[in-house]
Amino acid sequence: MFNSATNTFTNKVAVFCGARAGASDDHIALGHDFGLALAGRGGSLVYGAGGTGVMHAVARGVFDGGGAVTGVVPRELREREKSLEVRGEIYVVKDMHARKALMYRMSDAFAVLPGGLGTLDELMEVATWNQLRFHCKPMVLVNRDGFYDPLILMLDHLVRSDFIGQEDRALIQDTSDVEDALDLLGCRPRVPMASAPVERSA
């Protein structure tokens, strides 16, 4: 997030998302759009080092935008998630617990794109760490086309049932727009591309 004390913006964003492509091509498109936009804000990616699915699309978007990518993968999943085929700085760790702990430690903020059980696990763990003040890092659900609508309804149900408070609920922000998501995470504003000089005749 933007730190007013040091006048700095979010740099490293961890993205939690699926190693599968999902049922719609839109999930892959969203992954690439997010990665490209993140690189356009001068941010770098921390992710699960997957060479398939939405994970791969996000990394490809960051690379296409000229950004830096750091992947973290458990040793036993390197072949399954095709991590041997990905580019960037790759950390190989002993298990899933080590993977998550390193990703949390390396990142300034967290974005959640479409994914499955692993994605939900990471989302809830990061939210819980924020709730317990183990860290204080912004997170956002990128809810394009209503993918996370059922989850958002469940979170609101937990508030109404008095299992979480409004302050806890506010830890999980959501938006359907990639640029809005990066704003919520405190990334630096996009630098507009300089227009080509206009030639004028004497």
N, C-alpha and C. Protein backbone atom coordinates (compact mmCIF):
# COMPACT_ATOMS: atom_id res chain seq x y z
N MET A 1 0.85 -1.18 0.00
CA MET A 1 0.00 0.00 0.00
C MET A 1 0.89 1.24 0.00
N PHE A 2 0.27 2.40 -0.31
CA PHE A 2 1.05 3.64 -0.24
C PHE A 2 1.37 3.95 1.21
N ASN A 3 2.64 4.18 1.47
CA ASN A 3 3.10 4.48 2.83
C ASN A 3 3.41 5.97 2.89
N SER A 4 2.54 6.73 3.59
CA SER A 4 2.71 8.17 3.63
C SER A 4 3.97 8.58 4.40
N ALA A 5 4.42 7.71 5.31
CA ALA A 5 5.60 8.04 6.10
C ALA A 5 6.86 8.03 5.24
N THR A 6 6.93 7.07 4.32
CA THR A 6 8.12 6.96 3.47
C THR A 6 7.86 7.43 2.04
N ASN A 7 6.60 7.80 1.77
CA ASN A 7 6.22 8.26 0.42
C ASN A 7 6.53 7.22 -0.64
N THR A 8 6.18 5.97 -0.34
CA THR A 8 6.42 4.88 -1.28
C THR A 8 5.11 4.16 -1.61
N PHE A 9 5.10 3.51 -2.77
CA PHE A 9 3.94 2.76 -3.23
C PHE A 9 4.19 1.26 -3.11
N THR A 10 3.11 0.49 -3.21
CA THR A 10 3.22 -0.95 -3.29
C THR A 10 4.06 -1.34 -4.50
N ASN A 11 5.00 -2.26 -4.29
CA ASN A 11 5.84 -2.73 -5.39
C ASN A 11 5.55 -4.19 -5.73
N LYS A 12 5.75 -5.09 -4.76
CA LYS A 12 5.58 -6.51 -5.02
C LYS A 12 4.17 -6.97 -4.65
N VAL A 13 3.46 -7.48 -5.64
CA VAL A 13 2.09 -7.95 -5.43
C VAL A 13 2.06 -9.46 -5.63
N ALA A 14 1.61 -10.18 -4.60
CA ALA A 14 1.38 -11.61 -4.75
C ALA A 14 0.01 -11.82 -5.36
N VAL A 15 -0.06 -12.69 -6.34
CA VAL A 15 -1.33 -13.02 -6.98
C VAL A 15 -1.65 -14.48 -6.70
N PHE A 16 -2.84 -14.69 -6.12
CA PHE A 16 -3.35 -16.04 -5.87
C PHE A 16 -4.38 -16.35 -6.96
N CYS A 17 -4.21 -17.46 -7.65
CA CYS A 17 -5.12 -17.81 -8.73
C CYS A 17 -4.89 -19.26 -9.12
N GLY A 18 -5.67 -19.74 -10.07
CA GLY A 18 -5.65 -21.15 -10.41
C GLY A 18 -4.53 -21.58 -11.34
N ALA A 19 -4.06 -22.80 -11.12
CA ALA A 19 -3.13 -23.42 -12.07
C ALA A 19 -3.91 -24.03 -13.23
N ARG A 20 -5.23 -24.01 -13.14
CA ARG A 20 -6.10 -24.40 -14.25
C ARG A 20 -6.58 -23.16 -14.99
N ALA A 21 -7.06 -23.38 -16.22
CA ALA A 21 -7.58 -22.28 -17.01
C ALA A 21 -9.04 -21.97 -16.68
N GLY A 22 -9.75 -22.93 -16.08
CA GLY A 22 -11.16 -22.73 -15.81
C GLY A 22 -12.01 -22.97 -17.04
N ALA A 23 -13.31 -22.83 -16.86
CA ALA A 23 -14.25 -23.16 -17.93
C ALA A 23 -14.38 -22.07 -18.98
N SER A 24 -13.89 -20.88 -18.68
CA SER A 24 -14.04 -19.75 -19.60
C SER A 24 -12.69 -19.18 -19.97
N ASP A 25 -12.53 -18.84 -21.24
CA ASP A 25 -11.30 -18.18 -21.70
C ASP A 25 -11.12 -16.81 -21.04
N ASP A 26 -12.21 -16.27 -20.49
CA ASP A 26 -12.13 -14.96 -19.86
C ASP A 26 -11.20 -14.95 -18.66
N HIS A 27 -11.05 -16.11 -17.99
CA HIS A 27 -10.16 -16.16 -16.83
C HIS A 27 -8.70 -15.98 -17.25
N ILE A 28 -8.34 -16.59 -18.36
CA ILE A 28 -6.97 -16.42 -18.88
C ILE A 28 -6.76 -14.98 -19.32
N ALA A 29 -7.77 -14.41 -19.97
CA ALA A 29 -7.66 -13.01 -20.41
C ALA A 29 -7.51 -12.08 -19.23
N LEU A 30 -8.26 -12.34 -18.15
CA LEU A 30 -8.14 -11.52 -16.94
C LEU A 30 -6.74 -11.62 -16.35
N GLY A 31 -6.21 -12.84 -16.28
CA GLY A 31 -4.86 -13.02 -15.75
C GLY A 31 -3.84 -12.21 -16.52
N HIS A 32 -3.91 -12.27 -17.84
CA HIS A 32 -2.97 -11.52 -18.66
C HIS A 32 -3.17 -10.02 -18.50
N ASP A 33 -4.42 -9.59 -18.46
CA ASP A 33 -4.73 -8.16 -18.29
C ASP A 33 -4.16 -7.65 -16.97
N PHE A 34 -4.32 -8.44 -15.91
CA PHE A 34 -3.84 -8.01 -14.60
C PHE A 34 -2.32 -7.91 -14.60
N GLY A 35 -1.65 -8.92 -15.14
CA GLY A 35 -0.20 -8.89 -15.19
C GLY A 35 0.34 -7.71 -15.99
N LEU A 36 -0.28 -7.45 -17.12
CA LEU A 36 0.14 -6.33 -17.97
C LEU A 36 -0.06 -5.00 -17.25
N ALA A 37 -1.20 -4.87 -16.57
CA ALA A 37 -1.48 -3.63 -15.84
C ALA A 37 -0.53 -3.45 -14.66
N LEU A 38 -0.22 -4.54 -13.96
CA LEU A 38 0.72 -4.47 -12.85
C LEU A 38 2.09 -3.98 -13.31
N ALA A 39 2.56 -4.54 -14.41
CA ALA A 39 3.84 -4.11 -14.96
C ALA A 39 3.78 -2.65 -15.39
N GLY A 40 2.62 -2.23 -15.92
CA GLY A 40 2.45 -0.85 -16.35
C GLY A 40 2.48 0.14 -15.20
N ARG A 41 2.24 -0.34 -13.98
CA ARG A 41 2.33 0.51 -12.79
C ARG A 41 3.72 0.44 -12.15
N GLY A 42 4.63 -0.29 -12.79
CA GLY A 42 5.96 -0.43 -12.23
C GLY A 42 6.05 -1.47 -11.13
N GLY A 43 5.02 -2.31 -10.99
CA GLY A 43 5.00 -3.33 -9.96
C GLY A 43 5.61 -4.64 -10.44
N SER A 44 5.94 -5.50 -9.49
CA SER A 44 6.48 -6.82 -9.82
C SER A 44 5.58 -7.89 -9.22
N LEU A 45 5.66 -9.08 -9.76
CA LEU A 45 4.76 -10.18 -9.40
C LEU A 45 5.47 -11.20 -8.52
N VAL A 46 4.74 -11.64 -7.48
CA VAL A 46 5.12 -12.83 -6.71
C VAL A 46 3.98 -13.82 -6.89
N TYR A 47 4.29 -15.05 -7.31
CA TYR A 47 3.21 -16.01 -7.57
C TYR A 47 3.72 -17.43 -7.36
N GLY A 48 2.83 -18.39 -7.61
CA GLY A 48 3.15 -19.78 -7.32
C GLY A 48 3.98 -20.51 -8.35
N ALA A 49 4.56 -19.79 -9.31
CA ALA A 49 5.49 -20.35 -10.29
C ALA A 49 4.86 -21.41 -11.17
N GLY A 50 3.56 -21.31 -11.40
CA GLY A 50 2.90 -22.28 -12.27
C GLY A 50 3.08 -21.93 -13.74
N GLY A 51 3.31 -22.96 -14.56
CA GLY A 51 3.44 -22.77 -16.00
C GLY A 51 2.17 -23.09 -16.74
N THR A 52 1.04 -23.13 -16.02
CA THR A 52 -0.25 -23.45 -16.64
C THR A 52 -1.33 -22.53 -16.06
N GLY A 53 -2.47 -22.51 -16.75
CA GLY A 53 -3.66 -21.86 -16.24
C GLY A 53 -3.56 -20.36 -16.06
N VAL A 54 -4.37 -19.85 -15.12
CA VAL A 54 -4.41 -18.41 -14.86
C VAL A 54 -3.07 -17.94 -14.33
N MET A 55 -2.40 -18.77 -13.53
CA MET A 55 -1.07 -18.41 -13.00
C MET A 55 -0.11 -18.04 -14.13
N HIS A 56 -0.06 -18.89 -15.13
CA HIS A 56 0.84 -18.65 -16.25
C HIS A 56 0.45 -17.39 -17.01
N ALA A 57 -0.87 -17.14 -17.13
CA ALA A 57 -1.34 -15.96 -17.86
C ALA A 57 -0.92 -14.68 -17.16
N VAL A 58 -1.00 -14.66 -15.83
CA VAL A 58 -0.58 -13.47 -15.08
C VAL A 58 0.91 -13.21 -15.30
N ALA A 59 1.72 -14.24 -15.17
CA ALA A 59 3.17 -14.08 -15.36
C ALA A 59 3.49 -13.62 -16.77
N ARG A 60 2.80 -14.19 -17.74
CA ARG A 60 3.03 -13.78 -19.14
C ARG A 60 2.68 -12.31 -19.34
N GLY A 61 1.60 -11.86 -18.70
CA GLY A 61 1.24 -10.45 -18.80
C GLY A 61 2.30 -9.54 -18.22
N VAL A 62 2.86 -9.92 -17.07
CA VAL A 62 3.91 -9.11 -16.45
C VAL A 62 5.14 -9.08 -17.35
N PHE A 63 5.53 -10.22 -17.87
CA PHE A 63 6.68 -10.25 -18.78
C PHE A 63 6.43 -9.40 -20.02
N ASP A 64 5.22 -9.50 -20.58
CA ASP A 64 4.89 -8.72 -21.78
C ASP A 64 4.96 -7.22 -21.50
N GLY A 65 4.70 -6.84 -20.24
CA GLY A 65 4.76 -5.43 -19.87
C GLY A 65 6.13 -5.00 -19.38
N GLY A 66 7.10 -5.91 -19.41
CA GLY A 66 8.46 -5.56 -19.00
C GLY A 66 8.70 -5.59 -17.50
N GLY A 67 7.82 -6.28 -16.74
CA GLY A 67 7.96 -6.33 -15.30
C GLY A 67 8.76 -7.53 -14.82
N ALA A 68 9.04 -7.55 -13.52
CA ALA A 68 9.81 -8.63 -12.90
C ALA A 68 8.87 -9.65 -12.27
N VAL A 69 9.28 -10.92 -12.32
CA VAL A 69 8.46 -12.02 -11.82
C VAL A 69 9.29 -12.88 -10.87
N THR A 70 8.71 -13.19 -9.71
CA THR A 70 9.31 -14.10 -8.75
C THR A 70 8.32 -15.22 -8.47
N GLY A 71 8.75 -16.46 -8.64
CA GLY A 71 7.89 -17.61 -8.40
C GLY A 71 8.38 -18.42 -7.21
N VAL A 72 7.42 -19.04 -6.50
CA VAL A 72 7.75 -19.89 -5.36
C VAL A 72 6.98 -21.19 -5.52
N VAL A 73 7.69 -22.31 -5.54
CA VAL A 73 7.04 -23.59 -5.79
C VAL A 73 7.61 -24.68 -4.88
N PRO A 74 6.76 -25.53 -4.33
CA PRO A 74 7.26 -26.68 -3.57
C PRO A 74 7.97 -27.66 -4.50
N ARG A 75 8.98 -28.31 -3.99
CA ARG A 75 9.78 -29.22 -4.80
C ARG A 75 8.92 -30.28 -5.49
N GLU A 76 7.95 -30.83 -4.77
CA GLU A 76 7.14 -31.92 -5.32
C GLU A 76 6.18 -31.47 -6.41
N LEU A 77 5.94 -30.17 -6.54
CA LEU A 77 4.98 -29.67 -7.53
C LEU A 77 5.65 -29.09 -8.77
N ARG A 78 6.97 -29.11 -8.82
CA ARG A 78 7.66 -28.47 -9.95
C ARG A 78 7.23 -29.06 -11.28
N GLU A 79 7.14 -30.39 -11.35
CA GLU A 79 6.75 -31.03 -12.61
C GLU A 79 5.26 -30.90 -12.86
N ARG A 80 4.45 -31.11 -11.83
CA ARG A 80 2.99 -31.06 -11.98
C ARG A 80 2.52 -29.69 -12.45
N GLU A 81 3.10 -28.63 -11.93
CA GLU A 81 2.68 -27.28 -12.29
C GLU A 81 3.56 -26.67 -13.37
N LYS A 82 4.39 -27.50 -13.98
CA LYS A 82 5.25 -27.09 -15.11
C LYS A 82 6.11 -25.88 -14.77
N SER A 83 6.61 -25.85 -13.55
CA SER A 83 7.44 -24.72 -13.13
C SER A 83 8.80 -24.71 -13.82
N LEU A 84 9.21 -25.85 -14.34
CA LEU A 84 10.49 -25.90 -15.05
C LEU A 84 10.45 -25.09 -16.33
N GLU A 85 9.22 -24.77 -16.80
CA GLU A 85 9.07 -24.06 -18.07
C GLU A 85 8.88 -22.56 -17.90
N VAL A 86 8.85 -22.07 -16.66
CA VAL A 86 8.57 -20.65 -16.45
C VAL A 86 9.86 -19.86 -16.35
N ARG A 87 9.73 -18.56 -16.61
CA ARG A 87 10.87 -17.65 -16.53
C ARG A 87 10.81 -16.87 -15.21
N GLY A 88 11.86 -16.10 -14.96
CA GLY A 88 11.90 -15.27 -13.77
C GLY A 88 12.75 -15.89 -12.69
N GLU A 89 12.72 -15.29 -11.52
CA GLU A 89 13.45 -15.79 -10.36
C GLU A 89 12.57 -16.81 -9.64
N ILE A 90 13.04 -18.05 -9.55
CA ILE A 90 12.22 -19.12 -8.98
C ILE A 90 12.87 -19.65 -7.70
N TYR A 91 12.07 -19.70 -6.63
CA TYR A 91 12.48 -20.29 -5.37
C TYR A 91 11.81 -21.65 -5.24
N VAL A 92 12.59 -22.68 -4.99
CA VAL A 92 12.06 -24.03 -4.76
C VAL A 92 12.13 -24.30 -3.26
N VAL A 93 10.96 -24.56 -2.66
CA VAL A 93 10.87 -24.75 -1.20
C VAL A 93 10.39 -26.16 -0.89
N LYS A 94 10.42 -26.52 0.39
CA LYS A 94 10.17 -27.92 0.75
C LYS A 94 8.70 -28.33 0.70
N ASP A 95 7.77 -27.40 0.99
CA ASP A 95 6.36 -27.81 1.02
C ASP A 95 5.45 -26.59 0.85
N MET A 96 4.13 -26.82 0.89
CA MET A 96 3.16 -25.76 0.68
C MET A 96 3.23 -24.70 1.78
N HIS A 97 3.47 -25.11 3.01
CA HIS A 97 3.55 -24.15 4.10
C HIS A 97 4.70 -23.17 3.87
N ALA A 98 5.84 -23.70 3.44
CA ALA A 98 6.99 -22.84 3.17
C ALA A 98 6.71 -21.93 1.98
N ARG A 99 5.99 -22.45 0.98
CA ARG A 99 5.65 -21.64 -0.19
C ARG A 99 4.83 -20.42 0.23
N LYS A 100 3.77 -20.66 0.99
CA LYS A 100 2.90 -19.56 1.39
C LYS A 100 3.63 -18.57 2.28
N ALA A 101 4.38 -19.08 3.24
CA ALA A 101 5.08 -18.19 4.17
C ALA A 101 6.05 -17.27 3.43
N LEU A 102 6.77 -17.81 2.45
CA LEU A 102 7.72 -17.00 1.70
C LEU A 102 6.99 -15.98 0.83
N MET A 103 5.92 -16.39 0.19
CA MET A 103 5.15 -15.46 -0.63
C MET A 103 4.59 -14.32 0.21
N TYR A 104 4.07 -14.64 1.39
CA TYR A 104 3.52 -13.60 2.26
C TYR A 104 4.61 -12.63 2.68
N ARG A 105 5.78 -13.17 3.01
CA ARG A 105 6.88 -12.34 3.49
C ARG A 105 7.43 -11.43 2.39
N MET A 106 7.47 -11.92 1.17
CA MET A 106 8.07 -11.16 0.08
C MET A 106 7.15 -10.08 -0.47
N SER A 107 5.86 -10.17 -0.20
CA SER A 107 4.88 -9.33 -0.89
C SER A 107 4.43 -8.15 -0.05
N ASP A 108 4.08 -7.07 -0.76
CA ASP A 108 3.53 -5.87 -0.11
C ASP A 108 2.01 -5.89 -0.07
N ALA A 109 1.41 -6.65 -0.98
CA ALA A 109 -0.05 -6.67 -1.12
C ALA A 109 -0.45 -7.94 -1.86
N PHE A 110 -1.77 -8.23 -1.88
CA PHE A 110 -2.26 -9.49 -2.44
C PHE A 110 -3.48 -9.27 -3.32
N ALA A 111 -3.48 -9.90 -4.49
CA ALA A 111 -4.63 -9.88 -5.38
C ALA A 111 -5.10 -11.31 -5.59
N VAL A 112 -6.41 -11.50 -5.63
CA VAL A 112 -7.00 -12.83 -5.79
C VAL A 112 -7.81 -12.86 -7.07
N LEU A 113 -7.37 -13.70 -8.00
CA LEU A 113 -8.05 -13.90 -9.27
C LEU A 113 -8.73 -15.26 -9.24
N PRO A 114 -9.49 -15.62 -10.28
CA PRO A 114 -10.19 -16.91 -10.26
C PRO A 114 -9.26 -18.09 -10.00
N GLY A 115 -9.72 -18.99 -9.15
CA GLY A 115 -8.95 -20.19 -8.81
C GLY A 115 -9.81 -21.14 -8.01
N GLY A 116 -9.18 -22.17 -7.47
CA GLY A 116 -9.89 -23.22 -6.76
C GLY A 116 -9.58 -23.23 -5.27
N LEU A 117 -9.44 -24.44 -4.73
CA LEU A 117 -9.28 -24.60 -3.28
C LEU A 117 -8.00 -23.93 -2.77
N GLY A 118 -6.91 -24.09 -3.50
CA GLY A 118 -5.65 -23.48 -3.07
C GLY A 118 -5.75 -21.97 -3.03
N THR A 119 -6.43 -21.39 -4.00
CA THR A 119 -6.61 -19.94 -4.04
C THR A 119 -7.43 -19.46 -2.85
N LEU A 120 -8.52 -20.19 -2.55
CA LEU A 120 -9.35 -19.82 -1.40
C LEU A 120 -8.59 -19.98 -0.09
N ASP A 121 -7.77 -21.02 0.00
CA ASP A 121 -6.94 -21.22 1.19
C ASP A 121 -6.02 -20.03 1.42
N GLU A 122 -5.35 -19.60 0.36
CA GLU A 122 -4.42 -18.47 0.47
C GLU A 122 -5.15 -17.18 0.82
N LEU A 123 -6.29 -16.95 0.19
CA LEU A 123 -7.10 -15.78 0.49
C LEU A 123 -7.45 -15.72 1.97
N MET A 124 -8.00 -16.81 2.49
CA MET A 124 -8.46 -16.81 3.88
C MET A 124 -7.31 -16.72 4.87
N GLU A 125 -6.18 -17.35 4.52
CA GLU A 125 -5.05 -17.28 5.44
C GLU A 125 -4.48 -15.87 5.52
N VAL A 126 -4.35 -15.20 4.38
CA VAL A 126 -3.84 -13.83 4.38
C VAL A 126 -4.80 -12.91 5.13
N ALA A 127 -6.12 -13.10 4.91
CA ALA A 127 -7.11 -12.29 5.62
C ALA A 127 -7.00 -12.51 7.13
N THR A 128 -6.81 -13.77 7.53
CA THR A 128 -6.68 -14.08 8.95
C THR A 128 -5.42 -13.47 9.54
N TRP A 129 -4.33 -13.51 8.80
CA TRP A 129 -3.09 -12.89 9.28
C TRP A 129 -3.27 -11.38 9.48
N ASN A 130 -4.04 -10.76 8.56
CA ASN A 130 -4.34 -9.34 8.74
C ASN A 130 -5.21 -9.12 9.98
N GLN A 131 -6.22 -9.98 10.15
CA GLN A 131 -7.13 -9.87 11.28
C GLN A 131 -6.37 -9.98 12.61
N LEU A 132 -5.40 -10.90 12.65
CA LEU A 132 -4.64 -11.13 13.88
C LEU A 132 -3.42 -10.22 14.01
N ARG A 133 -3.25 -9.33 13.03
CA ARG A 133 -2.14 -8.36 13.03
C ARG A 133 -0.78 -9.03 12.91
N PHE A 134 -0.73 -10.21 12.30
CA PHE A 134 0.57 -10.81 12.00
C PHE A 134 1.26 -10.01 10.91
N HIS A 135 0.48 -9.41 10.04
CA HIS A 135 0.97 -8.43 9.09
C HIS A 135 -0.19 -7.48 8.79
N CYS A 136 0.10 -6.42 8.08
CA CYS A 136 -0.94 -5.45 7.71
C CYS A 136 -0.73 -5.08 6.24
N LYS A 137 -1.29 -5.89 5.36
CA LYS A 137 -1.05 -5.74 3.93
C LYS A 137 -2.39 -5.80 3.19
N PRO A 138 -2.63 -4.88 2.26
CA PRO A 138 -3.92 -4.84 1.57
C PRO A 138 -4.13 -6.04 0.66
N MET A 139 -5.40 -6.39 0.48
CA MET A 139 -5.75 -7.49 -0.41
C MET A 139 -7.05 -7.16 -1.14
N VAL A 140 -7.20 -7.72 -2.33
CA VAL A 140 -8.38 -7.43 -3.12
C VAL A 140 -8.79 -8.65 -3.95
N LEU A 141 -10.09 -8.89 -4.00
CA LEU A 141 -10.66 -9.87 -4.93
C LEU A 141 -10.91 -9.17 -6.25
N VAL A 142 -10.38 -9.72 -7.34
CA VAL A 142 -10.66 -9.17 -8.66
C VAL A 142 -11.86 -9.95 -9.21
N ASN A 143 -13.01 -9.35 -9.10
CA ASN A 143 -14.29 -10.04 -9.29
C ASN A 143 -14.91 -9.73 -10.65
N ARG A 144 -14.16 -9.99 -11.70
CA ARG A 144 -14.69 -9.73 -13.04
C ARG A 144 -15.82 -10.71 -13.36
N ASP A 145 -16.88 -10.20 -13.97
CA ASP A 145 -18.04 -11.01 -14.39
C ASP A 145 -18.68 -11.76 -13.23
N GLY A 146 -18.53 -11.23 -12.02
CA GLY A 146 -19.21 -11.81 -10.88
C GLY A 146 -18.69 -13.15 -10.42
N PHE A 147 -17.45 -13.50 -10.78
CA PHE A 147 -16.91 -14.81 -10.41
C PHE A 147 -16.97 -15.04 -8.91
N TYR A 148 -16.64 -14.02 -8.13
CA TYR A 148 -16.59 -14.17 -6.68
C TYR A 148 -17.85 -13.68 -5.97
N ASP A 149 -18.92 -13.44 -6.70
CA ASP A 149 -20.17 -12.99 -6.07
C ASP A 149 -20.63 -13.94 -4.95
N PRO A 150 -20.62 -15.28 -5.17
CA PRO A 150 -21.05 -16.17 -4.08
C PRO A 150 -20.19 -16.06 -2.83
N LEU A 151 -18.88 -15.86 -3.01
CA LEU A 151 -17.99 -15.71 -1.87
C LEU A 151 -18.27 -14.40 -1.13
N ILE A 152 -18.51 -13.34 -1.87
CA ILE A 152 -18.81 -12.05 -1.26
C ILE A 152 -20.10 -12.14 -0.45
N LEU A 153 -21.11 -12.84 -0.99
CA LEU A 153 -22.35 -13.06 -0.25
C LEU A 153 -22.09 -13.83 1.05
N MET A 154 -21.20 -14.81 0.98
CA MET A 154 -20.87 -15.59 2.17
C MET A 154 -20.17 -14.73 3.22
N LEU A 155 -19.27 -13.89 2.80
CA LEU A 155 -18.58 -13.00 3.74
C LEU A 155 -19.58 -12.06 4.42
N ASP A 156 -20.52 -11.54 3.65
CA ASP A 156 -21.53 -10.66 4.22
C ASP A 156 -22.44 -11.44 5.18
N HIS A 157 -22.71 -12.70 4.85
CA HIS A 157 -23.50 -13.56 5.74
C HIS A 157 -22.78 -13.77 7.07
N LEU A 158 -21.46 -13.92 7.04
CA LEU A 158 -20.69 -14.08 8.27
C LEU A 158 -20.79 -12.84 9.16
N VAL A 159 -20.86 -11.67 8.52
CA VAL A 159 -21.03 -10.44 9.30
C VAL A 159 -22.40 -10.43 9.96
N ARG A 160 -23.45 -10.72 9.17
CA ARG A 160 -24.80 -10.72 9.73
C ARG A 160 -24.96 -11.76 10.84
N SER A 161 -24.21 -12.85 10.74
CA SER A 161 -24.28 -13.91 11.74
C SER A 161 -23.37 -13.65 12.93
N ASP A 162 -22.67 -12.53 12.91
CA ASP A 162 -21.80 -12.10 14.00
C ASP A 162 -20.63 -13.05 14.26
N PHE A 163 -20.09 -13.63 13.16
CA PHE A 163 -18.86 -14.40 13.28
C PHE A 163 -17.64 -13.59 12.87
N ILE A 164 -17.86 -12.53 12.09
CA ILE A 164 -16.80 -11.56 11.84
C ILE A 164 -17.43 -10.17 11.94
N GLY A 165 -16.59 -9.18 12.26
CA GLY A 165 -17.08 -7.82 12.36
C GLY A 165 -16.92 -7.08 11.04
N GLN A 166 -17.50 -5.88 10.97
CA GLN A 166 -17.38 -5.08 9.76
C GLN A 166 -15.92 -4.73 9.48
N GLU A 167 -15.14 -4.52 10.53
CA GLU A 167 -13.72 -4.21 10.33
C GLU A 167 -12.99 -5.39 9.69
N ASP A 168 -13.32 -6.60 10.12
CA ASP A 168 -12.71 -7.79 9.52
C ASP A 168 -13.17 -7.96 8.07
N ARG A 169 -14.45 -7.71 7.83
CA ARG A 169 -14.98 -7.85 6.47
C ARG A 169 -14.28 -6.89 5.51
N ALA A 170 -13.97 -5.70 6.01
CA ALA A 170 -13.34 -4.68 5.17
C ALA A 170 -11.92 -5.04 4.76
N LEU A 171 -11.34 -6.06 5.39
CA LEU A 171 -9.98 -6.48 5.02
C LEU A 171 -9.95 -7.06 3.61
N ILE A 172 -11.08 -7.65 3.17
CA ILE A 172 -11.16 -8.25 1.84
C ILE A 172 -11.92 -7.30 0.93
N GLN A 173 -11.18 -6.48 0.20
CA GLN A 173 -11.78 -5.55 -0.73
C GLN A 173 -12.13 -6.28 -2.03
N ASP A 174 -13.01 -5.71 -2.82
CA ASP A 174 -13.33 -6.33 -4.10
C ASP A 174 -13.69 -5.29 -5.14
N THR A 175 -13.39 -5.62 -6.37
CA THR A 175 -13.72 -4.78 -7.52
C THR A 175 -13.70 -5.64 -8.76
N SER A 176 -14.43 -5.22 -9.77
CA SER A 176 -14.44 -5.95 -11.03
C SER A 176 -13.39 -5.44 -12.00
N ASP A 177 -12.75 -4.33 -11.67
CA ASP A 177 -11.85 -3.64 -12.60
C ASP A 177 -10.39 -3.80 -12.19
N VAL A 178 -9.56 -4.16 -13.14
CA VAL A 178 -8.13 -4.39 -12.86
C VAL A 178 -7.44 -3.13 -12.36
N GLU A 179 -7.67 -2.02 -13.02
CA GLU A 179 -7.01 -0.77 -12.60
C GLU A 179 -7.47 -0.34 -11.21
N ASP A 180 -8.77 -0.51 -10.93
CA ASP A 180 -9.27 -0.19 -9.59
C ASP A 180 -8.60 -1.09 -8.54
N ALA A 181 -8.42 -2.37 -8.90
CA ALA A 181 -7.77 -3.30 -7.97
C ALA A 181 -6.37 -2.82 -7.62
N LEU A 182 -5.62 -2.38 -8.60
CA LEU A 182 -4.26 -1.90 -8.35
C LEU A 182 -4.27 -0.62 -7.52
N ASP A 183 -5.27 0.22 -7.73
CA ASP A 183 -5.41 1.41 -6.89
C ASP A 183 -5.67 1.02 -5.43
N LEU A 184 -6.57 0.03 -5.23
CA LEU A 184 -6.89 -0.41 -3.88
C LEU A 184 -5.68 -1.02 -3.18
N LEU A 185 -4.78 -1.60 -3.95
CA LEU A 185 -3.57 -2.19 -3.38
C LEU A 185 -2.47 -1.16 -3.12
N GLY A 186 -2.69 0.06 -3.58
CA GLY A 186 -1.70 1.11 -3.32
C GLY A 186 -0.58 1.16 -4.33
N CYS A 187 -0.79 0.61 -5.52
CA CYS A 187 0.24 0.68 -6.55
C CYS A 187 0.37 2.10 -7.08
N ARG A 188 1.54 2.40 -7.58
CA ARG A 188 1.78 3.74 -8.11
C ARG A 188 0.88 3.98 -9.33
N PRO A 189 0.51 5.23 -9.56
CA PRO A 189 -0.34 5.53 -10.73
C PRO A 189 0.35 5.15 -12.03
N ARG A 190 -0.45 4.78 -13.00
CA ARG A 190 0.10 4.47 -14.32
C ARG A 190 0.72 5.74 -14.92
N VAL A 191 1.92 5.58 -15.46
CA VAL A 191 2.58 6.71 -16.11
C VAL A 191 2.11 6.78 -17.55
N PRO A 192 1.47 7.88 -17.95
CA PRO A 192 0.99 7.96 -19.33
C PRO A 192 2.14 7.92 -20.33
N MET A 193 1.90 7.22 -21.43
CA MET A 193 2.92 7.14 -22.47
C MET A 193 3.06 8.50 -23.15
N ALA A 194 4.30 8.88 -23.38
CA ALA A 194 4.55 10.16 -24.04
C ALA A 194 4.07 10.09 -25.48
N SER A 195 3.40 11.12 -25.91
CA SER A 195 2.93 11.15 -27.29
C SER A 195 4.09 11.50 -28.22
N ALA A 196 4.00 11.03 -29.45
CA ALA A 196 5.06 11.29 -30.42
C ALA A 196 5.07 12.77 -30.76
N PRO A 197 6.26 13.36 -30.93
CA PRO A 197 6.32 14.79 -31.28
C PRO A 197 5.68 15.07 -32.63
N VAL A 198 5.01 16.18 -32.71
CA VAL A 198 4.36 16.57 -33.95
C VAL A 198 5.32 17.39 -34.79
N GLU A 199 5.54 16.95 -36.01
CA GLU A 199 6.43 17.69 -36.90
C GLU A 199 5.68 18.86 -37.51
N ARG A 200 6.27 19.99 -37.46
CA ARG A 200 5.64 21.19 -38.02
C ARG A 200 6.55 21.76 -39.13
N SER A 201 5.94 22.17 -40.17
CA SER A 201 6.72 22.74 -41.26
C SER A 201 7.07 24.18 -40.94
N ALA A 202 8.22 24.60 -41.40
CA ALA A 202 8.67 25.98 -41.11
C ALA A 202 7.85 26.99 -41.92
